[in-house]
PDB file of N, CA and C in Angstrom:
ATOM      1  N   MET A   1      76.813  48.315  88.410  1.00  0.00           N
ATOM      2  CA  MET A   1      77.305  47.410  89.410  1.00  0.00           C
ATOM      3  C   MET A   1      76.224  46.349  89.635  1.00  0.00           C
ATOM      4  N   THR A   2      76.649  45.139  89.906  1.00  0.00           N
ATOM      5  CA  THR A   2      75.726  44.043  90.167  1.00  0.00           C
ATOM      6  C   THR A   2      76.001  43.484  91.555  1.00  0.00           C
ATOM      7  N   LYS A   3      74.964  43.166  92.300  1.00  0.00           N
ATOM      8  CA  LYS A   3      75.132  42.619  93.643  1.00  0.00           C
ATOM      9  C   LYS A   3      75.399  41.121  93.557  1.00  0.00           C
ATOM     10  N   PHE A   4      76.496  40.711  94.165  1.00  0.00           N
ATOM     11  CA  PHE A   4      76.871  39.308  94.238  1.00  0.00           C
ATOM     12  C   PHE A   4      77.140  38.950  95.690  1.00  0.00           C
ATOM     13  N   ARG A   5      77.167  37.685  95.969  1.00  0.00           N
ATOM     14  CA  ARG A   5      77.539  37.242  97.313  1.00  0.00           C
ATOM     15  C   ARG A   5      79.031  37.497  97.528  1.00  0.00           C
ATOM     16  N   TYR A   6      79.873  37.004  96.632  1.00  0.00           N
ATOM     17  CA  TYR A   6      81.321  37.205  96.730  1.00  0.00           C
ATOM     18  C   TYR A   6      81.830  38.076  95.586  1.00  0.00           C
ATOM     19  N   GLY A   7      81.284  37.910  94.427  1.00  0.00           N
ATOM     20  CA  GLY A   7      81.713  38.643  93.238  1.00  0.00           C
ATOM     21  C   GLY A   7      81.138  37.956  92.023  1.00  0.00           C
ATOM     22  N   PRO A   8      81.494  38.425  90.839  1.00  0.00           N
ATOM     23  CA  PRO A   8      80.918  37.835  89.627  1.00  0.00           C
ATOM     24  C   PRO A   8      81.293  36.368  89.441  1.00  0.00           C
ATOM     25  N   TRP A   9      82.188  35.898  90.239  1.00  0.00           N
ATOM     26  CA  TRP A   9      82.617  34.508  90.184  1.00  0.00           C
ATOM     27  C   TRP A   9      81.877  33.652  91.212  1.00  0.00           C
ATOM     28  N   ASP A  10      80.744  34.128  91.756  1.00  0.00           N
ATOM     29  CA  ASP A  10      80.021  33.414  92.817  1.00  0.00           C
ATOM     30  C   ASP A  10      79.996  31.900  92.626  1.00  0.00           C
ATOM     31  N   ASP A  11      79.616  31.463  91.443  1.00  0.00           N
ATOM     32  CA  ASP A  11      79.460  30.028  91.204  1.00  0.00           C
ATOM     33  C   ASP A  11      80.792  29.286  91.181  1.00  0.00           C
ATOM     34  N   GLN A  12      81.877  30.007  91.001  1.00  0.00           N
ATOM     35  CA  GLN A  12      83.185  29.381  90.876  1.00  0.00           C
ATOM     36  C   GLN A  12      84.108  29.657  92.055  1.00  0.00           C
ATOM     37  N   TYR A  13      83.637  30.392  93.051  1.00  0.00           N
ATOM     38  CA  TYR A  13      84.501  30.838  94.144  1.00  0.00           C
ATOM     39  C   TYR A  13      85.251  29.677  94.792  1.00  0.00           C
ATOM     40  N   TYR A  14      84.540  28.687  95.270  1.00  0.00           N
ATOM     41  CA  TYR A  14      85.199  27.594  95.979  1.00  0.00           C
ATOM     42  C   TYR A  14      86.071  26.739  95.065  1.00  0.00           C
ATOM     43  N   PRO A  15      85.642  26.403  93.837  1.00  0.00           N
ATOM     44  CA  PRO A  15      86.551  25.664  92.959  1.00  0.00           C
ATOM     45  C   PRO A  15      87.830  26.440  92.622  1.00  0.00           C
ATOM     46  N   VAL A  16      87.728  27.756  92.451  1.00  0.00           N
ATOM     47  CA  VAL A  16      88.924  28.554  92.150  1.00  0.00           C
ATOM     48  C   VAL A  16      89.859  28.558  93.352  1.00  0.00           C
ATOM     49  N   ILE A  17      89.310  28.758  94.545  1.00  0.00           N
ATOM     50  CA  ILE A  17      90.138  28.720  95.756  1.00  0.00           C
ATOM     51  C   ILE A  17      90.815  27.353  95.864  1.00  0.00           C
ATOM     52  N   GLY A  18      90.055  26.295  95.644  1.00  0.00           N
ATOM     53  CA  GLY A  18      90.632  24.953  95.692  1.00  0.00           C
ATOM     54  C   GLY A  18      91.727  24.753  94.668  1.00  0.00           C
ATOM     55  N   ALA A  19      91.539  25.293  93.469  1.00  0.00           N
ATOM     56  CA  ALA A  19      92.561  25.173  92.424  1.00  0.00           C
ATOM     57  C   ALA A  19      93.832  25.924  92.817  1.00  0.00           C
ATOM     58  N   LEU A  20      93.682  27.104  93.408  1.00  0.00           N
ATOM     59  CA  LEU A  20      94.862  27.874  93.835  1.00  0.00           C
ATOM     60  C   LEU A  20      95.593  27.164  94.972  1.00  0.00           C
ATOM     61  N   VAL A  21      94.832  26.576  95.897  1.00  0.00           N
ATOM     62  CA  VAL A  21      95.448  25.796  96.974  1.00  0.00           C
ATOM     63  C   VAL A  21      96.145  24.576  96.375  1.00  0.00           C
ATOM     64  N   GLY A  22      95.466  23.884  95.471  1.00  0.00           N
ATOM     65  CA  GLY A  22      96.024  22.693  94.847  1.00  0.00           C
ATOM     66  C   GLY A  22      97.294  22.960  94.059  1.00  0.00           C
ATOM     67  N   ARG A  23      97.417  24.147  93.513  1.00  0.00           N
ATOM     68  CA  ARG A  23      98.619  24.522  92.757  1.00  0.00           C
ATOM     69  C   ARG A  23      99.715  25.086  93.662  1.00  0.00           C
ATOM     70  N   GLY A  24      99.426  25.158  94.949  1.00  0.00           N
ATOM     71  CA  GLY A  24     100.423  25.639  95.898  1.00  0.00           C
ATOM     72  C   GLY A  24     100.631  27.138  95.876  1.00  0.00           C
ATOM     73  N   LEU A  25      99.653  27.898  95.368  1.00  0.00           N
ATOM     74  CA  LEU A  25      99.796  29.354  95.279  1.00  0.00           C
ATOM     75  C   LEU A  25      99.256  30.071  96.510  1.00  0.00           C
ATOM     76  N   ILE A  26      98.269  29.475  97.157  1.00  0.00           N
ATOM     77  CA  ILE A  26      97.739  30.003  98.413  1.00  0.00           C
ATOM     78  C   ILE A  26      97.556  28.834  99.370  1.00  0.00           C
ATOM     79  N   ARG A  27      97.355  29.176 100.632  1.00  0.00           N
ATOM     80  CA  ARG A  27      97.099  28.139 101.642  1.00  0.00           C
ATOM     81  C   ARG A  27      96.016  28.652 102.579  1.00  0.00           C
ATOM     82  N   TYR A  28      95.353  27.721 103.218  1.00  0.00           N
ATOM     83  CA  TYR A  28      94.399  28.090 104.255  1.00  0.00           C
ATOM     84  C   TYR A  28      95.192  28.457 105.502  1.00  0.00           C
ATOM     85  N   ALA A  29      94.750  29.484 106.190  1.00  0.00           N
ATOM     86  CA  ALA A  29      95.429  29.943 107.400  1.00  0.00           C
ATOM     87  C   ALA A  29      94.371  30.259 108.450  1.00  0.00           C
ATOM     88  N   PRO A  30      94.754  30.203 109.718  1.00  0.00           N
ATOM     89  CA  PRO A  30      93.787  30.566 110.760  1.00  0.00           C
ATOM     90  C   PRO A  30      93.394  32.032 110.633  1.00  0.00           C
ATOM     91  N   GLY A  31      92.113  32.283 110.718  1.00  0.00           N
ATOM     92  CA  GLY A  31      91.620  33.655 110.685  1.00  0.00           C
ATOM     93  C   GLY A  31      91.262  34.112 112.083  1.00  0.00           C
ATOM     94  N   LYS A  32      90.578  35.216 112.152  1.00  0.00           N
ATOM     95  CA  LYS A  32      90.159  35.759 113.443  1.00  0.00           C
ATOM     96  C   LYS A  32      88.975  34.971 113.991  1.00  0.00           C
ATOM     97  N   ARG A  33      88.965  34.772 115.284  1.00  0.00           N
ATOM     98  CA  ARG A  33      87.850  34.123 115.985  1.00  0.00           C
ATOM     99  C   ARG A  33      87.429  32.797 115.346  1.00  0.00           C
ATOM    100  N   GLY A  34      88.414  31.987 114.967  1.00  0.00           N
ATOM    101  CA  GLY A  34      88.122  30.663 114.457  1.00  0.00           C
ATOM    102  C   GLY A  34      87.772  30.585 112.987  1.00  0.00           C
ATOM    103  N   SER A  35      87.796  31.708 112.284  1.00  0.00           N
ATOM    104  CA  SER A  35      87.485  31.675 110.853  1.00  0.00           C
ATOM    105  C   SER A  35      88.704  31.195 110.068  1.00  0.00           C
ATOM    106  N   VAL A  36      88.521  31.005 108.793  1.00  0.00           N
ATOM    107  CA  VAL A  36      89.601  30.571 107.911  1.00  0.00           C
ATOM    108  C   VAL A  36      89.964  31.730 106.998  1.00  0.00           C
ATOM    109  N   ALA A  37      91.255  31.959 106.850  1.00  0.00           N
ATOM    110  CA  ALA A  37      91.749  33.001 105.952  1.00  0.00           C
ATOM    111  C   ALA A  37      92.552  32.334 104.843  1.00  0.00           C
ATOM    112  N   LEU A  38      92.904  33.104 103.858  1.00  0.00           N
ATOM    113  CA  LEU A  38      93.753  32.629 102.772  1.00  0.00           C
ATOM    114  C   LEU A  38      95.049  33.421 102.805  1.00  0.00           C
ATOM    115  N   ALA A  39      96.166  32.750 102.556  1.00  0.00           N
ATOM    116  CA  ALA A  39      97.465  33.418 102.567  1.00  0.00           C
ATOM    117  C   ALA A  39      98.283  32.927 101.382  1.00  0.00           C
ATOM    118  N   LEU A  40      99.094  33.815 100.842  1.00  0.00           N
ATOM    119  CA  LEU A  40      99.986  33.430  99.756  1.00  0.00           C
ATOM    120  C   LEU A  40     101.059  32.485 100.271  1.00  0.00           C
ATOM    121  N   THR A  41     101.419  31.521  99.459  1.00  0.00           N
ATOM    122  CA  THR A  41     102.585  30.698  99.744  1.00  0.00           C
ATOM    123  C   THR A  41     103.799  31.398  99.137  1.00  0.00           C
ATOM    124  N   LYS A  42     104.976  30.860  99.384  1.00  0.00           N
ATOM    125  CA  LYS A  42     106.189  31.419  98.775  1.00  0.00           C
ATOM    126  C   LYS A  42     106.069  31.374  97.253  1.00  0.00           C
ATOM    127  N   GLN A  43     105.581  30.252  96.729  1.00  0.00           N
ATOM    128  CA  GLN A  43     105.388  30.105  95.280  1.00  0.00           C
ATOM    129  C   GLN A  43     104.376  31.125  94.761  1.00  0.00           C
ATOM    130  N   GLY A  44     103.305  31.362  95.501  1.00  0.00           N
ATOM    131  CA  GLY A  44     102.311  32.355  95.101  1.00  0.00           C
ATOM    132  C   GLY A  44     102.888  33.753  95.102  1.00  0.00           C
ATOM    133  N   ALA A  45     103.687  34.074  96.121  1.00  0.00           N
ATOM    134  CA  ALA A  45     104.312  35.398  96.195  1.00  0.00           C
ATOM    135  C   ALA A  45     105.284  35.607  95.034  1.00  0.00           C
ATOM    136  N   GLU A  46     105.998  34.562  94.653  1.00  0.00           N
ATOM    137  CA  GLU A  46     106.918  34.672  93.513  1.00  0.00           C
ATOM    138  C   GLU A  46     106.151  34.920  92.218  1.00  0.00           C
ATOM    139  N   LEU A  47     105.015  34.256  92.050  1.00  0.00           N
ATOM    140  CA  LEU A  47     104.193  34.482  90.860  1.00  0.00           C
ATOM    141  C   LEU A  47     103.662  35.912  90.843  1.00  0.00           C
ATOM    142  N   VAL A  48     103.215  36.406  91.981  1.00  0.00           N
ATOM    143  CA  VAL A  48     102.738  37.792  92.065  1.00  0.00           C
ATOM    144  C   VAL A  48     103.847  38.750  91.652  1.00  0.00           C
ATOM    145  N   LYS A  49     105.044  38.521  92.137  1.00  0.00           N
ATOM    146  CA  LYS A  49     106.179  39.389  91.798  1.00  0.00           C
ATOM    147  C   LYS A  49     106.430  39.394  90.291  1.00  0.00           C
ATOM    148  N   ARG A  50     106.380  38.227  89.672  1.00  0.00           N
ATOM    149  CA  ARG A  50     106.583  38.146  88.211  1.00  0.00           C
ATOM    150  C   ARG A  50     105.462  38.859  87.463  1.00  0.00           C
ATOM    151  N   LEU A  51     104.224  38.654  87.885  1.00  0.00           N
ATOM    152  CA  LEU A  51     103.096  39.292  87.201  1.00  0.00           C
ATOM    153  C   LEU A  51     103.136  40.812  87.346  1.00  0.00           C
ATOM    154  N   LYS A  52     103.545  41.303  88.522  1.00  0.00           N
ATOM    155  CA  LYS A  52     103.619  42.753  88.735  1.00  0.00           C
ATOM    156  C   LYS A  52     104.634  43.412  87.810  1.00  0.00           C
ATOM    157  N   SER A  53     105.650  42.667  87.409  1.00  0.00           N
ATOM    158  CA  SER A  53     106.669  43.244  86.527  1.00  0.00           C
ATOM    159  C   SER A  53     106.314  43.073  85.049  1.00  0.00           C
ATOM    160  N   ASP A  54     105.245  42.349  84.751  1.00  0.00           N
ATOM    161  CA  ASP A  54     104.794  42.141  83.375  1.00  0.00           C
ATOM    162  C   ASP A  54     103.945  43.335  82.939  1.00  0.00           C
ATOM    163  N   SER A  55     104.225  43.877  81.772  1.00  0.00           N
ATOM    164  CA  SER A  55     103.522  45.090  81.323  1.00  0.00           C
ATOM    165  C   SER A  55     102.013  44.889  81.181  1.00  0.00           C
ATOM    166  N   LEU A  56     101.577  43.671  80.898  1.00  0.00           N
ATOM    167  CA  LEU A  56     100.137  43.420  80.776  1.00  0.00           C
ATOM    168  C   LEU A  56      99.446  43.342  82.134  1.00  0.00           C
ATOM    169  N   TRP A  57     100.148  42.870  83.141  1.00  0.00           N
ATOM    170  CA  TRP A  57      99.539  42.657  84.448  1.00  0.00           C
ATOM    171  C   TRP A  57      99.817  43.767  85.452  1.00  0.00           C
ATOM    172  N   SER A  58     100.815  44.609  85.215  1.00  0.00           N
ATOM    173  CA  SER A  58     101.152  45.634  86.213  1.00  0.00           C
ATOM    174  C   SER A  58     100.009  46.620  86.477  1.00  0.00           C
ATOM    175  N   PRO A  59      99.210  47.037  85.467  1.00  0.00           N
ATOM    176  CA  PRO A  59      98.072  47.915  85.790  1.00  0.00           C
ATOM    177  C   PRO A  59      97.037  47.228  86.692  1.00  0.00           C
ATOM    178  N   VAL A  60      96.820  45.948  86.463  1.00  0.00           N
ATOM    179  CA  VAL A  60      95.879  45.190  87.296  1.00  0.00           C
ATOM    180  C   VAL A  60      96.410  45.121  88.727  1.00  0.00           C
ATOM    181  N   ALA A  61      97.695  44.832  88.855  1.00  0.00           N
ATOM    182  CA  ALA A  61      98.311  44.757  90.182  1.00  0.00           C
ATOM    183  C   ALA A  61      98.190  46.090  90.905  1.00  0.00           C
ATOM    184  N   GLY A  62      98.388  47.179  90.186  1.00  0.00           N
ATOM    185  CA  GLY A  62      98.268  48.503  90.795  1.00  0.00           C
ATOM    186  C   GLY A  62      96.873  48.773  91.328  1.00  0.00           C
ATOM    187  N   ARG A  63      95.862  48.367  90.576  1.00  0.00           N
ATOM    188  CA  ARG A  63      94.483  48.563  91.036  1.00  0.00           C
ATOM    189  C   ARG A  63      94.194  47.712  92.275  1.00  0.00           C
ATOM    190  N   TYR A  64      94.660  46.468  92.256  1.00  0.00           N
ATOM    191  CA  TYR A  64      94.434  45.609  93.417  1.00  0.00           C
ATOM    192  C   TYR A  64      95.169  46.115  94.648  1.00  0.00           C
ATOM    193  N   GLU A  65      96.376  46.660  94.455  1.00  0.00           N
ATOM    194  CA  GLU A  65      97.107  47.211  95.596  1.00  0.00           C
ATOM    195  C   GLU A  65      96.371  48.415  96.182  1.00  0.00           C
ATOM    196  N   ALA A  66      95.798  49.243  95.326  1.00  0.00           N
ATOM    197  CA  ALA A  66      95.038  50.403  95.809  1.00  0.00           C
ATOM    198  C   ALA A  66      93.813  49.954  96.601  1.00  0.00           C
ATOM    199  N   ILE A  67      93.109  48.958  96.096  1.00  0.00           N
ATOM    200  CA  ILE A  67      91.928  48.438  96.796  1.00  0.00           C
ATOM    201  C   ILE A  67      92.336  47.799  98.120  1.00  0.00           C
ATOM    202  N   ALA A  68      93.392  46.990  98.084  1.00  0.00           N
ATOM    203  CA  ALA A  68      93.849  46.332  99.312  1.00  0.00           C
ATOM    204  C   ALA A  68      94.330  47.352 100.334  1.00  0.00           C
ATOM    205  N   GLY A  69      94.967  48.425  99.864  1.00  0.00           N
ATOM    206  CA  GLY A  69      95.425  49.460 100.777  1.00  0.00           C
ATOM    207  C   GLY A  69      94.280  50.151 101.494  1.00  0.00           C
ATOM    208  N   ARG A  70      93.179  50.292 100.814  1.00  0.00           N
ATOM    209  CA  ARG A  70      92.023  50.980 101.404  1.00  0.00           C
ATOM    210  C   ARG A  70      91.113  50.038 102.195  1.00  0.00           C
ATOM    211  N   PHE A  71      90.933  48.824 101.699  1.00  0.00           N
ATOM    212  CA  PHE A  71      89.936  47.924 102.282  1.00  0.00           C
ATOM    213  C   PHE A  71      90.500  46.589 102.759  1.00  0.00           C
ATOM    214  N   GLY A  72      91.778  46.339 102.576  1.00  0.00           N
ATOM    215  CA  GLY A  72      92.363  45.023 102.810  1.00  0.00           C
ATOM    216  C   GLY A  72      92.301  44.503 104.231  1.00  0.00           C
ATOM    217  N   LEU A  73      92.222  45.392 105.207  1.00  0.00           N
ATOM    218  CA  LEU A  73      92.182  44.930 106.593  1.00  0.00           C
ATOM    219  C   LEU A  73      90.768  44.703 107.108  1.00  0.00           C
ATOM    220  N   LEU A  74      89.776  45.004 106.289  1.00  0.00           N
ATOM    221  CA  LEU A  74      88.388  44.791 106.702  1.00  0.00           C
ATOM    222  C   LEU A  74      87.997  43.330 106.520  1.00  0.00           C
ATOM    223  N   THR A  75      87.186  42.838 107.424  1.00  0.00           N
ATOM    224  CA  THR A  75      86.603  41.516 107.222  1.00  0.00           C
ATOM    225  C   THR A  75      85.553  41.631 106.118  1.00  0.00           C
ATOM    226  N   GLY A  76      85.122  40.510 105.608  1.00  0.00           N
ATOM    227  CA  GLY A  76      84.063  40.523 104.602  1.00  0.00           C
ATOM    228  C   GLY A  76      82.813  41.218 105.112  1.00  0.00           C
ATOM    229  N   ASN A  77      82.453  40.947 106.366  1.00  0.00           N
ATOM    230  CA  ASN A  77      81.258  41.579 106.938  1.00  0.00           C
ATOM    231  C   ASN A  77      81.430  43.081 107.091  1.00  0.00           C
ATOM    232  N   ARG A  78      82.597  43.524 107.518  1.00  0.00           N
ATOM    233  CA  ARG A  78      82.812  44.971 107.670  1.00  0.00           C
ATOM    234  C   ARG A  78      82.824  45.670 106.318  1.00  0.00           C
ATOM    235  N   LEU A  79      83.373  45.021 105.310  1.00  0.00           N
ATOM    236  CA  LEU A  79      83.347  45.598 103.968  1.00  0.00           C
ATOM    237  C   LEU A  79      81.902  45.711 103.484  1.00  0.00           C
ATOM    238  N   LYS A  80      81.135  44.644 103.672  1.00  0.00           N
ATOM    239  CA  LYS A  80      79.713  44.671 103.301  1.00  0.00           C
ATOM    240  C   LYS A  80      78.986  45.787 104.041  1.00  0.00           C
ATOM    241  N   ASP A  81      79.249  45.905 105.337  1.00  0.00           N
ATOM    242  CA  ASP A  81      78.593  46.953 106.131  1.00  0.00           C
ATOM    243  C   ASP A  81      78.960  48.344 105.631  1.00  0.00           C
ATOM    244  N   ALA A  82      80.215  48.541 105.233  1.00  0.00           N
ATOM    245  CA  ALA A  82      80.644  49.845 104.708  1.00  0.00           C
ATOM    246  C   ALA A  82      79.922  50.165 103.403  1.00  0.00           C
ATOM    247  N   ILE A  83      79.763  49.160 102.553  1.00  0.00           N
ATOM    248  CA  ILE A  83      79.048  49.366 101.288  1.00  0.00           C
ATOM    249  C   ILE A  83      77.586  49.693 101.566  1.00  0.00           C
ATOM    250  N   TYR A  84      76.957  48.949 102.463  1.00  0.00           N
ATOM    251  CA  TYR A  84      75.551  49.204 102.777  1.00  0.00           C
ATOM    252  C   TYR A  84      75.357  50.555 103.465  1.00  0.00           C
ATOM    253  N   ALA A  85      76.338  50.988 104.267  1.00  0.00           N
ATOM    254  CA  ALA A  85      76.240  52.307 104.904  1.00  0.00           C
ATOM    255  C   ALA A  85      76.317  53.409 103.853  1.00  0.00           C
ATOM    256  N   ALA A  86      77.140  53.192 102.829  1.00  0.00           N
ATOM    257  CA  ALA A  86      77.277  54.191 101.764  1.00  0.00           C
ATOM    258  C   ALA A  86      76.095  54.154 100.801  1.00  0.00           C
ATOM    259  N   LEU A  87      75.483  52.986 100.654  1.00  0.00           N
ATOM    260  CA  LEU A  87      74.372  52.804  99.707  1.00  0.00           C
ATOM    261  C   LEU A  87      73.201  52.108 100.407  1.00  0.00           C
ATOM    262  N   PRO A  88      72.596  52.715 101.426  1.00  0.00           N
ATOM    263  CA  PRO A  88      71.561  52.017 102.208  1.00  0.00           C
ATOM    264  C   PRO A  88      70.354  51.587 101.385  1.00  0.00           C
ATOM    265  N   GLU A  89      70.045  52.321 100.335  1.00  0.00           N
ATOM    266  CA  GLU A  89      68.879  51.966  99.516  1.00  0.00           C
ATOM    267  C   GLU A  89      69.107  50.684  98.722  1.00  0.00           C
ATOM    268  N   LYS A  90      70.352  50.206  98.657  1.00  0.00           N
ATOM    269  CA  LYS A  90      70.662  48.996  97.893  1.00  0.00           C
ATOM    270  C   LYS A  90      70.744  47.757  98.772  1.00  0.00           C
ATOM    271  N   MET A  91      70.517  47.916 100.057  1.00  0.00           N
ATOM    272  CA  MET A  91      70.708  46.832 101.013  1.00  0.00           C
ATOM    273  C   MET A  91      69.839  45.615 100.726  1.00  0.00           C
ATOM    274  N   ASN A  92      68.617  45.804 100.298  1.00  0.00           N
ATOM    275  CA  ASN A  92      67.700  44.681 100.100  1.00  0.00           C
ATOM    276  C   ASN A  92      67.582  44.231  98.653  1.00  0.00           C
ATOM    277  N   VAL A  93      68.487  44.671  97.817  1.00  0.00           N
ATOM    278  CA  VAL A  93      68.487  44.254  96.415  1.00  0.00           C
ATOM    279  C   VAL A  93      68.863  42.775  96.353  1.00  0.00           C
ATOM    280  N   GLY A  94      68.186  42.013  95.521  1.00  0.00           N
ATOM    281  CA  GLY A  94      68.479  40.592  95.388  1.00  0.00           C
ATOM    282  C   GLY A  94      69.824  40.332  94.738  1.00  0.00           C
ATOM    283  N   LEU A  95      70.360  39.144  94.994  1.00  0.00           N
ATOM    284  CA  LEU A  95      71.624  38.761  94.376  1.00  0.00           C
ATOM    285  C   LEU A  95      71.490  38.741  92.860  1.00  0.00           C
ATOM    286  N   ARG A  96      72.572  39.091  92.189  1.00  0.00           N
ATOM    287  CA  ARG A  96      72.676  39.141  90.727  1.00  0.00           C
ATOM    288  C   ARG A  96      71.757  40.191  90.107  1.00  0.00           C
ATOM    289  N   THR A  97      71.352  41.166  90.915  1.00  0.00           N
ATOM    290  CA  THR A  97      70.536  42.273  90.438  1.00  0.00           C
ATOM    291  C   THR A  97      71.451  43.436  90.098  1.00  0.00           C
ATOM    292  N   GLU A  98      71.218  44.064  88.957  1.00  0.00           N
ATOM    293  CA  GLU A  98      72.032  45.221  88.584  1.00  0.00           C
ATOM    294  C   GLU A  98      71.682  46.397  89.482  1.00  0.00           C
ATOM    295  N   ILE A  99      72.712  47.040  90.016  1.00  0.00           N
ATOM    296  CA  ILE A  99      72.539  48.212  90.877  1.00  0.00           C
ATOM    297  C   ILE A  99      72.935  49.429  90.067  1.00  0.00           C
ATOM    298  N   LYS A 100      71.985  50.369  89.926  1.00  0.00           N
ATOM    299  CA  LYS A 100      72.264  51.574  89.133  1.00  0.00           C
ATOM    300  C   LYS A 100      72.426  52.773  90.018  1.00  0.00           C
TER     301      LYS A 100
END
């Protein structure tokens, strides 16, 4: 496992979000306490439905649904805190450092 700020796409996070918004697949939505959240548009939900029924993408969708079911209601900070609570010795590891 490698420590990232957002994920292995750190350098591309904002351009990818912008591209998805620009294609009408997601939209910015009000989050909790003034933050910004992301939400699927109708077009995005239709694409998800098509991908879930595709034999190549259905296993990926299943994994994401399992992750979302377990962690989907957590804020980014709460998810980070849960990871650090489970792995306290990894808390001060630098970004892009492999965690063994």
